[in-house]
Amino acid sequence: MVAILTQSDLRQVRDLPFCHACAKPFSALDQTDRDHIPAQACFEKSDRNPPLKLKSHAKCNNAHKLNDEKVGELIAIQRRRSTDATCHLRVDLFNEIRTGRLVGAAHNLDIMGCIRRWVGGFHAALYREPLSPIALFQITPPLPYANIRESIAVEPIPPHVPHFVRTIKLNRAARNVDRIVTNNGKMRFEAVWAQDDRQRHWMCIWALDLYGWVGLGDQRFGRRGCTGGYMRENGQAPTGAARATKLEAPIENREQFDAFGG
């Protein structure tokens, strides 16, 4: 198992020899920066320490700044907090096909892209290796989502989510998860590696929470946390990573779509 919980742990991963965003090693000529994972914009000023900061190419860091700010604005709205800057989110009303309701939707936000990049950063910090940009990846975001045209159809919660949630909760109870906790405890990431049914490949099952963002978005479409899975290119688990227990045990699991809920 691997954990990043203290300022000492965080200092040890600040200068990894590769960019977590593009997975390329640094050269002597590269312009570099330190990227906050997740972005500072997602947190209140009182919760911006201690952060996870990873060395990155300056170009890679700057390319995602605006989208990170939009996610920060969404979290602030959910928490009924004001933001520091002009709001960049565009929210309009759309007809939801399945229910006939008028719903508000932010339609200039790539929350999947943000989460994908952050999880790549968590992987880099925990296992001291880059996660390939072409790694197989699945994300269930912490709010309803849809393809937006003139009207929208909200995607249902995928059927594998309860399995992912239970896997995290079972292994947490067994003290068998890789963990990162930062930003005054307001950011929690947990991961465990499980084999597929044929026991050929290992997948990382993970869960991410910012400020209890299970409440993000329109709750009429169901509460859900942020979970997902990904695979390394070689199909193996990293050395030292938490591997899912095969033991069964009773666990509290009232909220089957939220890995950090009861």
Foldseek 3Di string as FASTA:
>chain_A
DFEAEDPVLLVVAAEQQAAQQAQHGDDPPFAKDWAWQQHCLQDDPLQPPPTRIHIHGPVSRVVCVVLSNQNSCLNCVLVVHDGPDDHPWDWDWAQAVPPRDTFIDGDPHDVVVSVVSSVQVVCCSGQVGHAHPPWAKDKDALEWDFDDDRHTHTDADDPCLLVLLVQLQVCVVVVQWYWYATRNRQKIKTWAWEADPVRPAIKIKMFIGGNNSLVRYDCVRPGAGMIIITGGPVRYDHPPGGHGDPDDDDDDCPPSRYSPDD
